[in-house]
Amino acid sequence: MTTPVFTFTPSYPVTHQIEHQFTTNDFGDGYYQTISTEAAYTRSGGTGAVASYRGLNKFSISFNKAKKGSGELADQLWLFMRDRLDNMNEPFYFYNPSENLTPDPTGANTIGRYLVKFADPAAAMNREFFTWCMFSYSGISLVEVRL
């Protein structure tokens, strides 16, 4: 089975953040120990290269509703999202436009490619709300997954 590719290029800004998970032990008198609870993982590095690093990538994407053809784009985005949710929020490849402006429809190019899913699929179930989010500043949130 091939991994679907999000072939649409979102408008700027695309919000990209890395979330880290740490455990801190406080021993008193100012002594503490911080331990990362995550394993390093090799994937796009946020700088146009593939690297091994810790953290979970999260994105917020939106589109410009003033562009010509935004109604057709809304239909295509809705179908893409609906198909993912019909398969239990199936992960897909997302290309971060700040690293790779042209998404590879085959998913073979690893530069700027992240394996993600919809962060809040329940919020996207209503078509009007989904369209409003996609074409507003708030956008739709994606979260990285590992298989």
C-alpha atoms as a PDB file:
ATOM      1  CA  MET A   1       0.000   0.000   0.000  1.00  0.00           C
ATOM      2  CA  THR A   2       1.393   3.408  -0.930  1.00  0.00           C
ATOM      3  CA  THR A   3       1.321   6.384   1.401  1.00  0.00           C
ATOM      4  CA  PRO A   4      -0.922   9.230   0.161  1.00  0.00           C
ATOM      5  CA  VAL A   5       0.749  12.579  -0.548  1.00  0.00           C
ATOM      6  CA  PHE A   6      -0.704  15.986   0.285  1.00  0.00           C
ATOM      7  CA  THR A   7       0.061  17.606  -3.090  1.00  0.00           C
ATOM      8  CA  PHE A   8      -1.440  21.008  -2.289  1.00  0.00           C
ATOM      9  CA  THR A   9       0.890  23.922  -1.488  1.00  0.00           C
ATOM     10  CA  PRO A  10      -0.465  25.909   1.469  1.00  0.00           C
ATOM     11  CA  SER A  11      -0.243  29.684   1.831  1.00  0.00           C
ATOM     12  CA  TYR A  12       2.298  31.343   4.065  1.00  0.00           C
ATOM     13  CA  PRO A  13       2.791  31.335   6.935  1.00  0.00           C
ATOM     14  CA  VAL A  14       2.996  27.604   7.599  1.00  0.00           C
ATOM     15  CA  THR A  15       3.480  27.221  11.331  1.00  0.00           C
ATOM     16  CA  HIS A  16       6.119  24.584  12.117  1.00  0.00           C
ATOM     17  CA  GLN A  17       6.988  23.713  15.684  1.00  0.00           C
ATOM     18  CA  ILE A  18       8.904  20.916  17.381  1.00  0.00           C
ATOM     19  CA  GLU A  19       7.542  19.560  20.634  1.00  0.00           C
ATOM     20  CA  HIS A  20       9.956  17.897  23.046  1.00  0.00           C
ATOM     21  CA  GLN A  21       9.169  15.614  25.950  1.00  0.00           C
ATOM     22  CA  PHE A  22      11.384  15.766  29.018  1.00  0.00           C
ATOM     23  CA  THR A  23      11.262  14.423  32.541  1.00  0.00           C
ATOM     24  CA  THR A  24      12.928  16.529  35.221  1.00  0.00           C
ATOM     25  CA  ASN A  25      13.922  15.156  38.620  1.00  0.00           C
ATOM     26  CA  ASP A  26      14.337  17.866  41.283  1.00  0.00           C
ATOM     27  CA  PHE A  27      16.786  16.797  44.005  1.00  0.00           C
ATOM     28  CA  GLY A  28      16.501  20.019  46.034  1.00  0.00           C
ATOM     29  CA  ASP A  29      19.089  22.722  46.719  1.00  0.00           C
ATOM     30  CA  GLY A  30      19.060  23.630  43.025  1.00  0.00           C
ATOM     31  CA  TYR A  31      20.201  20.194  41.813  1.00  0.00           C
ATOM     32  CA  TYR A  32      18.146  18.598  39.101  1.00  0.00           C
ATOM     33  CA  GLN A  33      18.412  16.110  36.264  1.00  0.00           C
ATOM     34  CA  THR A  34      16.575  16.432  32.969  1.00  0.00           C
ATOM     35  CA  ILE A  35      16.107  13.367  30.777  1.00  0.00           C
ATOM     36  CA  SER A  36      14.668  13.246  27.274  1.00  0.00           C
ATOM     37  CA  THR A  37      11.974  10.590  26.990  1.00  0.00           C
ATOM     38  CA  GLU A  38      12.174  10.432  23.206  1.00  0.00           C
ATOM     39  CA  ALA A  39      14.379   8.486  20.854  1.00  0.00           C
ATOM     40  CA  ALA A  40      16.148  10.153  17.942  1.00  0.00           C
ATOM     41  CA  TYR A  41      14.413   9.544  14.630  1.00  0.00           C
ATOM     42  CA  THR A  42      15.624  10.181  11.077  1.00  0.00           C
ATOM     43  CA  ARG A  43      13.392  12.372   8.904  1.00  0.00           C
ATOM     44  CA  SER A  44      13.299  15.849   7.343  1.00  0.00           C
ATOM     45  CA  GLY A  45      15.279  18.222   9.480  1.00  0.00           C
ATOM     46  CA  GLY A  46      13.437  21.498   8.974  1.00  0.00           C
ATOM     47  CA  THR A  47      16.366  22.942   7.020  1.00  0.00           C
ATOM     48  CA  GLY A  48      16.032  21.209   3.651  1.00  0.00           C
ATOM     49  CA  ALA A  49      18.004  18.130   4.689  1.00  0.00           C
ATOM     50  CA  VAL A  50      17.304  14.760   6.281  1.00  0.00           C
ATOM     51  CA  ALA A  51      18.673  14.412   9.810  1.00  0.00           C
ATOM     52  CA  SER A  52      18.312  12.384  12.976  1.00  0.00           C
ATOM     53  CA  TYR A  53      16.912  14.382  15.877  1.00  0.00           C
ATOM     54  CA  ARG A  54      14.453  14.257  18.765  1.00  0.00           C
ATOM     55  CA  GLY A  55      11.057  15.897  18.974  1.00  0.00           C
ATOM     56  CA  LEU A  56       7.659  15.739  17.359  1.00  0.00           C
ATOM     57  CA  ASN A  57       6.932  18.058  14.421  1.00  0.00           C
ATOM     58  CA  LYS A  58       3.616  19.875  14.318  1.00  0.00           C
ATOM     59  CA  PHE A  59       2.237  22.063  11.537  1.00  0.00           C
ATOM     60  CA  SER A  60      -0.637  24.459  11.015  1.00  0.00           C
ATOM     61  CA  ILE A  61      -1.570  25.066   7.383  1.00  0.00           C
ATOM     62  CA  SER A  62      -4.071  27.312   5.630  1.00  0.00           C
ATOM     63  CA  PHE A  63      -4.882  28.507   2.116  1.00  0.00           C
ATOM     64  CA  ASN A  64      -5.616  31.872   0.510  1.00  0.00           C
ATOM     65  CA  LYS A  65      -9.334  32.091  -0.243  1.00  0.00           C
ATOM     66  CA  ALA A  66      -8.782  35.110  -2.511  1.00  0.00           C
ATOM     67  CA  LYS A  67      -7.024  32.938  -5.096  1.00  0.00           C
ATOM     68  CA  LYS A  68      -8.911  32.050  -8.236  1.00  0.00           C
ATOM     69  CA  GLY A  69     -10.339  28.543  -8.023  1.00  0.00           C
ATOM     70  CA  SER A  70     -10.532  28.456  -4.230  1.00  0.00           C
ATOM     71  CA  GLY A  71     -13.961  26.761  -4.420  1.00  0.00           C
ATOM     72  CA  GLU A  72     -12.517  23.887  -6.450  1.00  0.00           C
ATOM     73  CA  LEU A  73      -9.527  23.723  -4.091  1.00  0.00           C
ATOM     74  CA  ALA A  74     -11.889  23.524  -1.110  1.00  0.00           C
ATOM     75  CA  ASP A  75     -13.626  20.526  -2.738  1.00  0.00           C
ATOM     76  CA  GLN A  76     -10.288  18.784  -3.385  1.00  0.00           C
ATOM     77  CA  LEU A  77      -9.076  19.426   0.176  1.00  0.00           C
ATOM     78  CA  TRP A  78     -12.346  18.131   1.612  1.00  0.00           C
ATOM     79  CA  LEU A  79     -12.124  14.926  -0.453  1.00  0.00           C
ATOM     80  CA  PHE A  80      -8.485  14.392   0.574  1.00  0.00           C
ATOM     81  CA  MET A  81      -9.333  14.869   4.250  1.00  0.00           C
ATOM     82  CA  ARG A  82     -12.451  12.726   4.062  1.00  0.00           C
ATOM     83  CA  ASP A  83     -10.527   9.877   2.403  1.00  0.00           C
ATOM     84  CA  ARG A  84      -7.925   9.983   5.213  1.00  0.00           C
ATOM     85  CA  LEU A  85     -10.572   9.962   7.930  1.00  0.00           C
ATOM     86  CA  ASP A  86     -12.472   7.132   6.217  1.00  0.00           C
ATOM     87  CA  ASN A  87      -9.306   5.090   6.818  1.00  0.00           C
ATOM     88  CA  MET A  88      -9.059   5.895  10.563  1.00  0.00           C
ATOM     89  CA  ASN A  89      -7.092   9.136  10.135  1.00  0.00           C
ATOM     90  CA  GLU A  90      -4.643   7.526   7.724  1.00  0.00           C
ATOM     91  CA  PRO A  91      -1.156   9.134   7.796  1.00  0.00           C
ATOM     92  CA  PHE A  92       0.030  10.949   4.675  1.00  0.00           C
ATOM     93  CA  TYR A  93       3.130  12.735   3.434  1.00  0.00           C
ATOM     94  CA  PHE A  94       3.187  16.504   3.826  1.00  0.00           C
ATOM     95  CA  TYR A  95       5.903  18.608   2.190  1.00  0.00           C
ATOM     96  CA  ASN A  96       6.828  21.702   4.211  1.00  0.00           C
ATOM     97  CA  PRO A  97       6.957  24.514   1.606  1.00  0.00           C
ATOM     98  CA  SER A  98       9.817  26.265   3.449  1.00  0.00           C
ATOM     99  CA  GLU A  99      11.971  23.213   2.720  1.00  0.00           C
ATOM    100  CA  ASN A 100      10.532  21.914  -0.557  1.00  0.00           C
ATOM    101  CA  LEU A 101       8.158  24.180  -2.466  1.00  0.00           C
ATOM    102  CA  THR A 102       7.051  21.506  -4.938  1.00  0.00           C
ATOM    103  CA  PRO A 103       5.475  18.407  -3.352  1.00  0.00           C
ATOM    104  CA  ASP A 104       6.521  15.133  -4.992  1.00  0.00           C
ATOM    105  CA  PRO A 105       3.257  13.319  -5.883  1.00  0.00           C
ATOM    106  CA  THR A 106       5.029   9.953  -5.552  1.00  0.00           C
ATOM    107  CA  GLY A 107       6.375  10.732  -2.070  1.00  0.00           C
ATOM    108  CA  ALA A 108       9.832   9.489  -3.098  1.00  0.00           C
ATOM    109  CA  ASN A 109      11.661  12.776  -2.450  1.00  0.00           C
ATOM    110  CA  THR A 110      12.554  12.925   1.269  1.00  0.00           C
ATOM    111  CA  ILE A 111      13.572  16.613   1.390  1.00  0.00           C
ATOM    112  CA  GLY A 112      10.923  18.489   3.380  1.00  0.00           C
ATOM    113  CA  ARG A 113       8.695  15.394   3.625  1.00  0.00           C
ATOM    114  CA  TYR A 114       6.961  14.561   6.905  1.00  0.00           C
ATOM    115  CA  LEU A 115       4.620  11.676   7.703  1.00  0.00           C
ATOM    116  CA  VAL A 116       1.646  13.328   9.412  1.00  0.00           C
ATOM    117  CA  LYS A 117      -2.018  12.910  10.268  1.00  0.00           C
ATOM    118  CA  PHE A 118      -4.752  15.382  11.155  1.00  0.00           C
ATOM    119  CA  ALA A 119      -4.172  16.494  14.762  1.00  0.00           C
ATOM    120  CA  ASP A 120      -7.871  16.936  15.569  1.00  0.00           C
ATOM    121  CA  PRO A 121      -9.910  14.831  13.156  1.00  0.00           C
ATOM    122  CA  ALA A 122     -13.175  15.377  15.056  1.00  0.00           C
ATOM    123  CA  ALA A 123     -12.965  19.138  14.423  1.00  0.00           C
ATOM    124  CA  ALA A 124     -12.576  18.526  10.691  1.00  0.00           C
ATOM    125  CA  MET A 125     -15.702  16.384  10.352  1.00  0.00           C
ATOM    126  CA  ASN A 126     -17.959  19.344   9.612  1.00  0.00           C
ATOM    127  CA  ARG A 127     -17.379  20.560   6.044  1.00  0.00           C
ATOM    128  CA  GLU A 128     -18.200  24.205   6.755  1.00  0.00           C
ATOM    129  CA  PHE A 129     -15.903  24.291   9.788  1.00  0.00           C
ATOM    130  CA  PHE A 130     -13.157  22.474   7.859  1.00  0.00           C
ATOM    131  CA  THR A 131     -13.419  24.957   4.973  1.00  0.00           C
ATOM    132  CA  TRP A 132     -13.419  27.916   7.360  1.00  0.00           C
ATOM    133  CA  CYS A 133     -10.273  26.591   9.093  1.00  0.00           C
ATOM    134  CA  MET A 134      -8.474  25.858   5.822  1.00  0.00           C
ATOM    135  CA  PHE A 135      -9.164  29.334   4.454  1.00  0.00           C
ATOM    136  CA  SER A 136      -8.621  31.315   7.663  1.00  0.00           C
ATOM    137  CA  TYR A 137      -5.533  32.224   9.628  1.00  0.00           C
ATOM    138  CA  SER A 138      -6.178  29.474  12.210  1.00  0.00           C
ATOM    139  CA  GLY A 139      -5.674  26.701   9.654  1.00  0.00           C
ATOM    140  CA  ILE A 140      -5.759  22.945  10.148  1.00  0.00           C
ATOM    141  CA  SER A 141      -3.247  21.260  12.449  1.00  0.00           C
ATOM    142  CA  LEU A 142      -1.103  18.305  11.421  1.00  0.00           C
ATOM    143  CA  VAL A 143       1.016  16.185  13.752  1.00  0.00           C
ATOM    144  CA  GLU A 144       3.925  13.928  12.827  1.00  0.00           C
ATOM    145  CA  VAL A 145       3.541  10.170  13.254  1.00  0.00           C
ATOM    146  CA  ARG A 146       5.984   7.288  13.114  1.00  0.00           C
ATOM    147  CA  LEU A 147       5.190   3.905  11.698  1.00  0.00           C
END
